ModelCIF file with pLDDT and N, C-alpha, C, O atoms, coordinates in Angstrom:
data_MODEL
#
_entry.id   MODEL 
#
_entity.id                         1 
_entity.type                       polymer 
_entity.pdbx_number_of_molecules   1 
#
_entity_poly.entity_id                      1 
_entity_poly.type                           'polypeptide(L)' 
_entity_poly.nstd_linkage                   no 
_entity_poly.nstd_monomer                   no 
_entity_poly.pdbx_seq_one_letter_code       
;(UNK)(UNK)(UNK)(UNK)(UNK)(UNK)(UNK)(UNK)(UNK)(UNK)(UNK)(UNK)(UNK)(UNK)(UNK)(UNK)
(UNK)(UNK)(UNK)(UNK)(UNK)(UNK)(UNK)(UNK)(UNK)(UNK)(UNK)(UNK)(UNK)(UNK)(UNK)(UNK)
(UNK)(UNK)(UNK)(UNK)(UNK)(UNK)(UNK)(UNK)(UNK)(UNK)(UNK)(UNK)(UNK)(UNK)
;
_entity_poly.pdbx_seq_one_letter_code_can   XXXXXXXXXXXXXXXXXXXXXXXXXXXXXXXXXXXXXXXXXXXXXX 
_entity_poly.pdbx_strand_id                 A 
#
loop_
_entity_poly_seq.entity_id 
_entity_poly_seq.num 
_entity_poly_seq.mon_id 
_entity_poly_seq.hetero 
1 1  UNK n 
1 2  UNK n 
1 3  UNK n 
1 4  UNK n 
1 5  UNK n 
1 6  UNK n 
1 7  UNK n 
1 8  UNK n 
1 9  UNK n 
1 10 UNK n 
1 11 UNK n 
1 12 UNK n 
1 13 UNK n 
1 14 UNK n 
1 15 UNK n 
1 16 UNK n 
1 17 UNK n 
1 18 UNK n 
1 19 UNK n 
1 20 UNK n 
1 21 UNK n 
1 22 UNK n 
1 23 UNK n 
1 24 UNK n 
1 25 UNK n 
1 26 UNK n 
1 27 UNK n 
1 28 UNK n 
1 29 UNK n 
1 30 UNK n 
1 31 UNK n 
1 32 UNK n 
1 33 UNK n 
1 34 UNK n 
1 35 UNK n 
1 36 UNK n 
1 37 UNK n 
1 38 UNK n 
1 39 UNK n 
1 40 UNK n 
1 41 UNK n 
1 42 UNK n 
1 43 UNK n 
1 44 UNK n 
1 45 UNK n 
1 46 UNK n 
#
_struct_asym.id          A 
_struct_asym.entity_id   1 
#
loop_
_ma_qa_metric.id 
_ma_qa_metric.mode 
_ma_qa_metric.name 
_ma_qa_metric.software_group_id 
_ma_qa_metric.type 
1 global pLDDT . pLDDT 
2 local  pLDDT . pLDDT 
#
_ma_qa_metric_global.metric_id      1 
_ma_qa_metric_global.metric_value   96.54 
_ma_qa_metric_global.model_id       1 
_ma_qa_metric_global.ordinal_id     1 
#
loop_
_ma_qa_metric_local.label_asym_id 
_ma_qa_metric_local.label_comp_id 
_ma_qa_metric_local.label_seq_id 
_ma_qa_metric_local.metric_id 
_ma_qa_metric_local.metric_value 
_ma_qa_metric_local.model_id 
_ma_qa_metric_local.ordinal_id 
A UNK 1  2 98.00 1 1  
A UNK 2  2 98.00 1 2  
A UNK 3  2 98.00 1 3  
A UNK 4  2 98.00 1 4  
A UNK 5  2 98.00 1 5  
A UNK 6  2 98.00 1 6  
A UNK 7  2 97.00 1 7  
A UNK 8  2 96.00 1 8  
A UNK 9  2 97.00 1 9  
A UNK 10 2 97.00 1 10 
A UNK 11 2 98.00 1 11 
A UNK 12 2 98.00 1 12 
A UNK 13 2 98.00 1 13 
A UNK 14 2 97.00 1 14 
A UNK 15 2 97.00 1 15 
A UNK 16 2 96.00 1 16 
A UNK 17 2 96.00 1 17 
A UNK 18 2 97.00 1 18 
A UNK 19 2 98.00 1 19 
A UNK 20 2 98.00 1 20 
A UNK 21 2 98.00 1 21 
A UNK 22 2 98.00 1 22 
A UNK 23 2 98.00 1 23 
A UNK 24 2 95.00 1 24 
A UNK 25 2 88.00 1 25 
A UNK 26 2 82.00 1 26 
A UNK 27 2 87.00 1 27 
A UNK 28 2 93.00 1 28 
A UNK 29 2 97.00 1 29 
A UNK 30 2 98.00 1 30 
A UNK 31 2 98.00 1 31 
A UNK 32 2 98.00 1 32 
A UNK 33 2 98.00 1 33 
A UNK 34 2 98.00 1 34 
A UNK 35 2 97.00 1 35 
A UNK 36 2 97.00 1 36 
A UNK 37 2 98.00 1 37 
A UNK 38 2 98.00 1 38 
A UNK 39 2 98.00 1 39 
A UNK 40 2 98.00 1 40 
A UNK 41 2 98.00 1 41 
A UNK 42 2 98.00 1 42 
A UNK 43 2 97.00 1 43 
A UNK 44 2 96.00 1 44 
A UNK 45 2 96.00 1 45 
A UNK 46 2 96.00 1 46 
#
loop_
_atom_site.group_PDB 
_atom_site.id 
_atom_site.type_symbol 
_atom_site.label_atom_id 
_atom_site.label_alt_id 
_atom_site.label_comp_id 
_atom_site.label_asym_id 
_atom_site.label_entity_id 
_atom_site.label_seq_id 
_atom_site.pdbx_PDB_ins_code 
_atom_site.Cartn_x 
_atom_site.Cartn_y 
_atom_site.Cartn_z 
_atom_site.occupancy 
_atom_site.B_iso_or_equiv 
_atom_site.pdbx_formal_charge 
_atom_site.auth_seq_id 
_atom_site.auth_comp_id 
_atom_site.auth_asym_id 
_atom_site.auth_atom_id 
_atom_site.pdbx_PDB_model_num 
ATOM 1   N N  . UNK A 1 1  ? -35.577 23.393 33.327 1.00 98.00 ? 1  UNK A N  1 
ATOM 2   C CA . UNK A 1 1  ? -35.512 23.345 30.851 1.00 98.00 ? 1  UNK A CA 1 
ATOM 3   C C  . UNK A 1 1  ? -34.838 22.141 31.049 1.00 98.00 ? 1  UNK A C  1 
ATOM 4   O O  . UNK A 1 1  ? -33.958 21.768 31.825 1.00 98.00 ? 1  UNK A O  1 
ATOM 5   N N  . UNK A 1 2  ? -35.748 21.416 29.772 1.00 98.00 ? 2  UNK A N  1 
ATOM 6   C CA . UNK A 1 2  ? -35.636 20.207 28.888 1.00 98.00 ? 2  UNK A CA 1 
ATOM 7   C C  . UNK A 1 2  ? -34.595 20.716 27.958 1.00 98.00 ? 2  UNK A C  1 
ATOM 8   O O  . UNK A 1 2  ? -34.820 21.882 27.633 1.00 98.00 ? 2  UNK A O  1 
ATOM 9   N N  . UNK A 1 3  ? -33.209 20.053 27.276 1.00 98.00 ? 3  UNK A N  1 
ATOM 10  C CA . UNK A 1 3  ? -32.795 20.133 26.261 1.00 98.00 ? 3  UNK A CA 1 
ATOM 11  C C  . UNK A 1 3  ? -32.967 19.302 25.144 1.00 98.00 ? 3  UNK A C  1 
ATOM 12  O O  . UNK A 1 3  ? -32.033 18.503 25.220 1.00 98.00 ? 3  UNK A O  1 
ATOM 13  N N  . UNK A 1 4  ? -33.687 19.020 24.074 1.00 98.00 ? 4  UNK A N  1 
ATOM 14  C CA . UNK A 1 4  ? -33.748 17.691 23.668 1.00 98.00 ? 4  UNK A CA 1 
ATOM 15  C C  . UNK A 1 4  ? -32.968 17.653 22.410 1.00 98.00 ? 4  UNK A C  1 
ATOM 16  O O  . UNK A 1 4  ? -32.749 18.783 21.973 1.00 98.00 ? 4  UNK A O  1 
ATOM 17  N N  . UNK A 1 5  ? -32.266 16.247 21.380 1.00 98.00 ? 5  UNK A N  1 
ATOM 18  C CA . UNK A 1 5  ? -32.057 16.713 20.230 1.00 98.00 ? 5  UNK A CA 1 
ATOM 19  C C  . UNK A 1 5  ? -32.041 17.667 19.661 1.00 98.00 ? 5  UNK A C  1 
ATOM 20  O O  . UNK A 1 5  ? -33.045 18.317 19.951 1.00 98.00 ? 5  UNK A O  1 
ATOM 21  N N  . UNK A 1 6  ? -31.292 18.269 18.809 1.00 98.00 ? 6  UNK A N  1 
ATOM 22  C CA . UNK A 1 6  ? -31.713 19.221 18.036 1.00 98.00 ? 6  UNK A CA 1 
ATOM 23  C C  . UNK A 1 6  ? -31.478 18.551 16.798 1.00 98.00 ? 6  UNK A C  1 
ATOM 24  O O  . UNK A 1 6  ? -31.692 19.271 15.823 1.00 98.00 ? 6  UNK A O  1 
ATOM 25  N N  . UNK A 1 7  ? -31.060 17.253 16.514 1.00 97.00 ? 7  UNK A N  1 
ATOM 26  C CA . UNK A 1 7  ? -30.910 17.099 15.062 1.00 97.00 ? 7  UNK A CA 1 
ATOM 27  C C  . UNK A 1 7  ? -29.456 17.114 14.528 1.00 97.00 ? 7  UNK A C  1 
ATOM 28  O O  . UNK A 1 7  ? -29.045 16.225 13.782 1.00 97.00 ? 7  UNK A O  1 
ATOM 29  N N  . UNK A 1 8  ? -28.817 17.986 14.869 1.00 96.00 ? 8  UNK A N  1 
ATOM 30  C CA . UNK A 1 8  ? -27.681 18.650 13.979 1.00 96.00 ? 8  UNK A CA 1 
ATOM 31  C C  . UNK A 1 8  ? -26.338 17.762 14.355 1.00 96.00 ? 8  UNK A C  1 
ATOM 32  O O  . UNK A 1 8  ? -25.360 18.133 13.707 1.00 96.00 ? 8  UNK A O  1 
ATOM 33  N N  . UNK A 1 9  ? -26.108 16.779 15.172 1.00 97.00 ? 9  UNK A N  1 
ATOM 34  C CA . UNK A 1 9  ? -24.886 15.733 15.177 1.00 97.00 ? 9  UNK A CA 1 
ATOM 35  C C  . UNK A 1 9  ? -25.528 14.436 16.112 1.00 97.00 ? 9  UNK A C  1 
ATOM 36  O O  . UNK A 1 9  ? -26.413 14.629 16.946 1.00 97.00 ? 9  UNK A O  1 
ATOM 37  N N  . UNK A 1 10 ? -25.113 13.491 15.917 1.00 97.00 ? 10 UNK A N  1 
ATOM 38  C CA . UNK A 1 10 ? -25.352 12.356 17.013 1.00 97.00 ? 10 UNK A CA 1 
ATOM 39  C C  . UNK A 1 10 ? -24.525 12.003 18.198 1.00 97.00 ? 10 UNK A C  1 
ATOM 40  O O  . UNK A 1 10 ? -24.586 10.862 18.657 1.00 97.00 ? 10 UNK A O  1 
ATOM 41  N N  . UNK A 1 11 ? -23.827 12.826 18.672 1.00 98.00 ? 11 UNK A N  1 
ATOM 42  C CA . UNK A 1 11 ? -22.900 13.067 19.723 1.00 98.00 ? 11 UNK A CA 1 
ATOM 43  C C  . UNK A 1 11 ? -23.759 12.836 20.962 1.00 98.00 ? 11 UNK A C  1 
ATOM 44  O O  . UNK A 1 11 ? -23.919 13.819 21.686 1.00 98.00 ? 11 UNK A O  1 
ATOM 45  N N  . UNK A 1 12 ? -24.279 11.804 21.281 1.00 98.00 ? 12 UNK A N  1 
ATOM 46  C CA . UNK A 1 12 ? -25.244 11.639 22.823 1.00 98.00 ? 12 UNK A CA 1 
ATOM 47  C C  . UNK A 1 12 ? -24.444 11.409 23.951 1.00 98.00 ? 12 UNK A C  1 
ATOM 48  O O  . UNK A 1 12 ? -24.259 12.243 24.837 1.00 98.00 ? 12 UNK A O  1 
ATOM 49  N N  . UNK A 1 13 ? -23.934 10.196 23.918 1.00 98.00 ? 13 UNK A N  1 
ATOM 50  C CA . UNK A 1 13 ? -23.238 9.670  24.835 1.00 98.00 ? 13 UNK A CA 1 
ATOM 51  C C  . UNK A 1 13 ? -22.053 9.125  24.476 1.00 98.00 ? 13 UNK A C  1 
ATOM 52  O O  . UNK A 1 13 ? -21.861 8.608  23.376 1.00 98.00 ? 13 UNK A O  1 
ATOM 53  N N  . UNK A 1 14 ? -21.062 9.230  25.535 1.00 97.00 ? 14 UNK A N  1 
ATOM 54  C CA . UNK A 1 14 ? -19.564 8.508  25.325 1.00 97.00 ? 14 UNK A CA 1 
ATOM 55  C C  . UNK A 1 14 ? -19.206 8.559  26.856 1.00 97.00 ? 14 UNK A C  1 
ATOM 56  O O  . UNK A 1 14 ? -19.330 9.374  27.770 1.00 97.00 ? 14 UNK A O  1 
ATOM 57  N N  . UNK A 1 15 ? -18.603 7.040  26.657 1.00 97.00 ? 15 UNK A N  1 
ATOM 58  C CA . UNK A 1 15 ? -18.180 6.949  28.316 1.00 97.00 ? 15 UNK A CA 1 
ATOM 59  C C  . UNK A 1 15 ? -16.560 5.729  28.135 1.00 97.00 ? 15 UNK A C  1 
ATOM 60  O O  . UNK A 1 15 ? -16.449 4.679  27.501 1.00 97.00 ? 15 UNK A O  1 
ATOM 61  N N  . UNK A 1 16 ? -15.917 6.208  28.684 1.00 96.00 ? 16 UNK A N  1 
ATOM 62  C CA . UNK A 1 16 ? -14.297 5.484  29.232 1.00 96.00 ? 16 UNK A CA 1 
ATOM 63  C C  . UNK A 1 16 ? -14.369 5.365  30.400 1.00 96.00 ? 16 UNK A C  1 
ATOM 64  O O  . UNK A 1 16 ? -15.256 5.723  31.175 1.00 96.00 ? 16 UNK A O  1 
ATOM 65  N N  . UNK A 1 17 ? -12.782 4.499  30.693 1.00 96.00 ? 17 UNK A N  1 
ATOM 66  C CA . UNK A 1 17 ? -12.564 4.891  32.183 1.00 96.00 ? 17 UNK A CA 1 
ATOM 67  C C  . UNK A 1 17 ? -12.295 5.967  33.239 1.00 96.00 ? 17 UNK A C  1 
ATOM 68  O O  . UNK A 1 17 ? -12.372 6.201  34.445 1.00 96.00 ? 17 UNK A O  1 
ATOM 69  N N  . UNK A 1 18 ? -11.951 6.453  32.118 1.00 97.00 ? 18 UNK A N  1 
ATOM 70  C CA . UNK A 1 18 ? -11.270 8.035  32.724 1.00 97.00 ? 18 UNK A CA 1 
ATOM 71  C C  . UNK A 1 18 ? -12.986 9.269  32.728 1.00 97.00 ? 18 UNK A C  1 
ATOM 72  O O  . UNK A 1 18 ? -13.055 10.158 33.577 1.00 97.00 ? 18 UNK A O  1 
ATOM 73  N N  . UNK A 1 19 ? -13.993 9.094  31.822 1.00 98.00 ? 19 UNK A N  1 
ATOM 74  C CA . UNK A 1 19 ? -14.871 10.054 32.129 1.00 98.00 ? 19 UNK A CA 1 
ATOM 75  C C  . UNK A 1 19 ? -15.815 9.773  31.322 1.00 98.00 ? 19 UNK A C  1 
ATOM 76  O O  . UNK A 1 19 ? -15.438 9.366  30.223 1.00 98.00 ? 19 UNK A O  1 
ATOM 77  N N  . UNK A 1 20 ? -17.341 9.878  31.553 1.00 98.00 ? 20 UNK A N  1 
ATOM 78  C CA . UNK A 1 20 ? -18.511 9.670  31.083 1.00 98.00 ? 20 UNK A CA 1 
ATOM 79  C C  . UNK A 1 20 ? -18.933 11.273 30.548 1.00 98.00 ? 20 UNK A C  1 
ATOM 80  O O  . UNK A 1 20 ? -19.138 12.238 31.285 1.00 98.00 ? 20 UNK A O  1 
ATOM 81  N N  . UNK A 1 21 ? -18.995 11.248 29.084 1.00 98.00 ? 21 UNK A N  1 
ATOM 82  C CA . UNK A 1 21 ? -19.865 12.902 28.482 1.00 98.00 ? 21 UNK A CA 1 
ATOM 83  C C  . UNK A 1 21 ? -21.263 12.647 27.768 1.00 98.00 ? 21 UNK A C  1 
ATOM 84  O O  . UNK A 1 21 ? -21.787 11.576 27.462 1.00 98.00 ? 21 UNK A O  1 
ATOM 85  N N  . UNK A 1 22 ? -21.737 14.036 27.583 1.00 98.00 ? 22 UNK A N  1 
ATOM 86  C CA . UNK A 1 22 ? -22.940 14.203 26.688 1.00 98.00 ? 22 UNK A CA 1 
ATOM 87  C C  . UNK A 1 22 ? -22.810 15.070 25.920 1.00 98.00 ? 22 UNK A C  1 
ATOM 88  O O  . UNK A 1 22 ? -22.359 16.147 26.309 1.00 98.00 ? 22 UNK A O  1 
ATOM 89  N N  . UNK A 1 23 ? -23.108 14.901 24.799 1.00 98.00 ? 23 UNK A N  1 
ATOM 90  C CA . UNK A 1 23 ? -23.371 16.071 23.662 1.00 98.00 ? 23 UNK A CA 1 
ATOM 91  C C  . UNK A 1 23 ? -21.702 16.098 23.147 1.00 98.00 ? 23 UNK A C  1 
ATOM 92  O O  . UNK A 1 23 ? -20.757 15.390 23.496 1.00 98.00 ? 23 UNK A O  1 
ATOM 93  N N  . UNK A 1 24 ? -21.789 17.266 22.140 1.00 95.00 ? 24 UNK A N  1 
ATOM 94  C CA . UNK A 1 24 ? -20.792 17.539 21.392 1.00 95.00 ? 24 UNK A CA 1 
ATOM 95  C C  . UNK A 1 24 ? -20.659 18.840 20.440 1.00 95.00 ? 24 UNK A C  1 
ATOM 96  O O  . UNK A 1 24 ? -21.502 19.733 20.527 1.00 95.00 ? 24 UNK A O  1 
ATOM 97  N N  . UNK A 1 25 ? -19.844 18.906 19.750 1.00 88.00 ? 25 UNK A N  1 
ATOM 98  C CA . UNK A 1 25 ? -19.798 19.313 18.344 1.00 88.00 ? 25 UNK A CA 1 
ATOM 99  C C  . UNK A 1 25 ? -19.558 21.095 19.018 1.00 88.00 ? 25 UNK A C  1 
ATOM 100 O O  . UNK A 1 25 ? -20.322 21.723 19.751 1.00 88.00 ? 25 UNK A O  1 
ATOM 101 N N  . UNK A 1 26 ? -17.936 21.616 18.310 1.00 82.00 ? 26 UNK A N  1 
ATOM 102 C CA . UNK A 1 26 ? -17.559 23.278 18.968 1.00 82.00 ? 26 UNK A CA 1 
ATOM 103 C C  . UNK A 1 26 ? -16.572 22.470 19.510 1.00 82.00 ? 26 UNK A C  1 
ATOM 104 O O  . UNK A 1 26 ? -15.636 23.166 19.905 1.00 82.00 ? 26 UNK A O  1 
ATOM 105 N N  . UNK A 1 27 ? -16.411 21.361 19.677 1.00 87.00 ? 27 UNK A N  1 
ATOM 106 C CA . UNK A 1 27 ? -15.270 21.002 21.060 1.00 87.00 ? 27 UNK A CA 1 
ATOM 107 C C  . UNK A 1 27 ? -15.387 21.359 22.412 1.00 87.00 ? 27 UNK A C  1 
ATOM 108 O O  . UNK A 1 27 ? -14.650 21.921 23.223 1.00 87.00 ? 27 UNK A O  1 
ATOM 109 N N  . UNK A 1 28 ? -16.813 20.750 22.437 1.00 93.00 ? 28 UNK A N  1 
ATOM 110 C CA . UNK A 1 28 ? -17.107 21.350 23.942 1.00 93.00 ? 28 UNK A CA 1 
ATOM 111 C C  . UNK A 1 28 ? -17.853 20.014 24.610 1.00 93.00 ? 28 UNK A C  1 
ATOM 112 O O  . UNK A 1 28 ? -18.340 19.420 23.647 1.00 93.00 ? 28 UNK A O  1 
ATOM 113 N N  . UNK A 1 29 ? -18.077 19.477 25.504 1.00 97.00 ? 29 UNK A N  1 
ATOM 114 C CA . UNK A 1 29 ? -19.298 18.525 26.243 1.00 97.00 ? 29 UNK A CA 1 
ATOM 115 C C  . UNK A 1 29 ? -20.393 19.433 26.470 1.00 97.00 ? 29 UNK A C  1 
ATOM 116 O O  . UNK A 1 29 ? -20.097 20.535 26.931 1.00 97.00 ? 29 UNK A O  1 
ATOM 117 N N  . UNK A 1 30 ? -21.859 19.125 26.183 1.00 98.00 ? 30 UNK A N  1 
ATOM 118 C CA . UNK A 1 30 ? -22.775 19.473 26.949 1.00 98.00 ? 30 UNK A CA 1 
ATOM 119 C C  . UNK A 1 30 ? -22.690 19.159 28.577 1.00 98.00 ? 30 UNK A C  1 
ATOM 120 O O  . UNK A 1 30 ? -22.878 20.114 29.331 1.00 98.00 ? 30 UNK A O  1 
ATOM 121 N N  . UNK A 1 31 ? -22.312 17.367 29.354 1.00 98.00 ? 31 UNK A N  1 
ATOM 122 C CA . UNK A 1 31 ? -21.637 17.291 30.114 1.00 98.00 ? 31 UNK A CA 1 
ATOM 123 C C  . UNK A 1 31 ? -20.751 16.063 31.021 1.00 98.00 ? 31 UNK A C  1 
ATOM 124 O O  . UNK A 1 31 ? -20.969 14.878 31.274 1.00 98.00 ? 31 UNK A O  1 
ATOM 125 N N  . UNK A 1 32 ? -19.963 16.755 31.256 1.00 98.00 ? 32 UNK A N  1 
ATOM 126 C CA . UNK A 1 32 ? -18.559 15.908 31.323 1.00 98.00 ? 32 UNK A CA 1 
ATOM 127 C C  . UNK A 1 32 ? -18.563 15.678 32.860 1.00 98.00 ? 32 UNK A C  1 
ATOM 128 O O  . UNK A 1 32 ? -18.717 16.631 33.624 1.00 98.00 ? 32 UNK A O  1 
ATOM 129 N N  . UNK A 1 33 ? -18.410 14.537 33.261 1.00 98.00 ? 33 UNK A N  1 
ATOM 130 C CA . UNK A 1 33 ? -17.522 13.827 34.775 1.00 98.00 ? 33 UNK A CA 1 
ATOM 131 C C  . UNK A 1 33 ? -16.448 13.118 34.446 1.00 98.00 ? 33 UNK A C  1 
ATOM 132 O O  . UNK A 1 33 ? -16.255 12.497 33.401 1.00 98.00 ? 33 UNK A O  1 
ATOM 133 N N  . UNK A 1 34 ? -15.482 13.275 35.735 1.00 98.00 ? 34 UNK A N  1 
ATOM 134 C CA . UNK A 1 34 ? -14.425 12.745 35.795 1.00 98.00 ? 34 UNK A CA 1 
ATOM 135 C C  . UNK A 1 34 ? -14.956 11.003 36.082 1.00 98.00 ? 34 UNK A C  1 
ATOM 136 O O  . UNK A 1 34 ? -16.036 10.482 36.363 1.00 98.00 ? 34 UNK A O  1 
ATOM 137 N N  . UNK A 1 35 ? -13.719 10.553 35.867 1.00 97.00 ? 35 UNK A N  1 
ATOM 138 C CA . UNK A 1 35 ? -13.512 9.063  36.308 1.00 97.00 ? 35 UNK A CA 1 
ATOM 139 C C  . UNK A 1 35 ? -13.311 8.404  38.001 1.00 97.00 ? 35 UNK A C  1 
ATOM 140 O O  . UNK A 1 35 ? -13.138 7.335  38.587 1.00 97.00 ? 35 UNK A O  1 
ATOM 141 N N  . UNK A 1 36 ? -13.495 10.056 38.295 1.00 97.00 ? 36 UNK A N  1 
ATOM 142 C CA . UNK A 1 36 ? -13.596 9.930  40.192 1.00 97.00 ? 36 UNK A CA 1 
ATOM 143 C C  . UNK A 1 36 ? -15.128 10.441 40.607 1.00 97.00 ? 36 UNK A C  1 
ATOM 144 O O  . UNK A 1 36 ? -15.407 10.347 41.802 1.00 97.00 ? 36 UNK A O  1 
ATOM 145 N N  . UNK A 1 37 ? -16.202 11.007 39.648 1.00 98.00 ? 37 UNK A N  1 
ATOM 146 C CA . UNK A 1 37 ? -16.953 11.326 39.576 1.00 98.00 ? 37 UNK A CA 1 
ATOM 147 C C  . UNK A 1 37 ? -17.125 12.215 41.228 1.00 98.00 ? 37 UNK A C  1 
ATOM 148 O O  . UNK A 1 37 ? -17.861 12.128 42.211 1.00 98.00 ? 37 UNK A O  1 
ATOM 149 N N  . UNK A 1 38 ? -15.524 13.379 40.617 1.00 98.00 ? 38 UNK A N  1 
ATOM 150 C CA . UNK A 1 38 ? -15.923 14.633 41.746 1.00 98.00 ? 38 UNK A CA 1 
ATOM 151 C C  . UNK A 1 38 ? -15.821 15.754 41.024 1.00 98.00 ? 38 UNK A C  1 
ATOM 152 O O  . UNK A 1 38 ? -16.667 16.554 41.424 1.00 98.00 ? 38 UNK A O  1 
ATOM 153 N N  . UNK A 1 39 ? -15.080 16.252 40.011 1.00 98.00 ? 39 UNK A N  1 
ATOM 154 C CA . UNK A 1 39 ? -15.176 17.014 38.936 1.00 98.00 ? 39 UNK A CA 1 
ATOM 155 C C  . UNK A 1 39 ? -16.047 16.636 37.638 1.00 98.00 ? 39 UNK A C  1 
ATOM 156 O O  . UNK A 1 39 ? -16.251 15.496 37.221 1.00 98.00 ? 39 UNK A O  1 
ATOM 157 N N  . UNK A 1 40 ? -16.590 18.042 37.002 1.00 98.00 ? 40 UNK A N  1 
ATOM 158 C CA . UNK A 1 40 ? -17.885 18.158 36.319 1.00 98.00 ? 40 UNK A CA 1 
ATOM 159 C C  . UNK A 1 40 ? -17.467 19.083 35.705 1.00 98.00 ? 40 UNK A C  1 
ATOM 160 O O  . UNK A 1 40 ? -16.677 19.747 36.376 1.00 98.00 ? 40 UNK A O  1 
ATOM 161 N N  . UNK A 1 41 ? -17.655 19.502 34.569 1.00 98.00 ? 41 UNK A N  1 
ATOM 162 C CA . UNK A 1 41 ? -17.774 20.636 33.291 1.00 98.00 ? 41 UNK A CA 1 
ATOM 163 C C  . UNK A 1 41 ? -19.462 20.542 32.906 1.00 98.00 ? 41 UNK A C  1 
ATOM 164 O O  . UNK A 1 41 ? -20.295 19.668 33.146 1.00 98.00 ? 41 UNK A O  1 
ATOM 165 N N  . UNK A 1 42 ? -19.537 21.596 32.340 1.00 98.00 ? 42 UNK A N  1 
ATOM 166 C CA . UNK A 1 42 ? -21.084 21.766 31.226 1.00 98.00 ? 42 UNK A CA 1 
ATOM 167 C C  . UNK A 1 42 ? -20.676 22.855 30.437 1.00 98.00 ? 42 UNK A C  1 
ATOM 168 O O  . UNK A 1 42 ? -19.967 23.711 30.967 1.00 98.00 ? 42 UNK A O  1 
ATOM 169 N N  . UNK A 1 43 ? -21.111 23.003 28.882 1.00 97.00 ? 43 UNK A N  1 
ATOM 170 C CA . UNK A 1 43 ? -20.581 23.942 28.418 1.00 97.00 ? 43 UNK A CA 1 
ATOM 171 C C  . UNK A 1 43 ? -22.037 23.431 27.188 1.00 97.00 ? 43 UNK A C  1 
ATOM 172 O O  . UNK A 1 43 ? -22.557 22.319 27.098 1.00 97.00 ? 43 UNK A O  1 
ATOM 173 N N  . UNK A 1 44 ? -22.410 24.870 26.284 1.00 96.00 ? 44 UNK A N  1 
ATOM 174 C CA . UNK A 1 44 ? -23.186 24.638 25.329 1.00 96.00 ? 44 UNK A CA 1 
ATOM 175 C C  . UNK A 1 44 ? -22.748 24.063 24.197 1.00 96.00 ? 44 UNK A C  1 
ATOM 176 O O  . UNK A 1 44 ? -21.704 24.386 23.631 1.00 96.00 ? 44 UNK A O  1 
ATOM 177 N N  . UNK A 1 45 ? -23.621 23.083 23.774 1.00 96.00 ? 45 UNK A N  1 
ATOM 178 C CA . UNK A 1 45 ? -23.296 22.290 22.563 1.00 96.00 ? 45 UNK A CA 1 
ATOM 179 C C  . UNK A 1 45 ? -24.174 22.099 21.389 1.00 96.00 ? 45 UNK A C  1 
ATOM 180 O O  . UNK A 1 45 ? -25.340 22.491 21.457 1.00 96.00 ? 45 UNK A O  1 
ATOM 181 N N  . UNK A 1 46 ? -23.668 21.465 20.187 1.00 96.00 ? 46 UNK A N  1 
ATOM 182 C CA . UNK A 1 46 ? -24.869 21.985 18.799 1.00 96.00 ? 46 UNK A CA 1 
ATOM 183 C C  . UNK A 1 46 ? -25.473 20.616 19.322 1.00 96.00 ? 46 UNK A C  1 
ATOM 184 O O  . UNK A 1 46 ? -26.496 20.159 18.814 1.00 96.00 ? 46 UNK A O  1 
#
């Protein structure tokens, strides 16, 4: 399955030394990876 940009917001990618994240809206990231690239989380987002 492919999930393209909905146009709802522009929360595409965000990176810092603690995490790398994709998507947002509603308080959840679509895909989140921690700084050690060991733990991850995925959730629906706008």
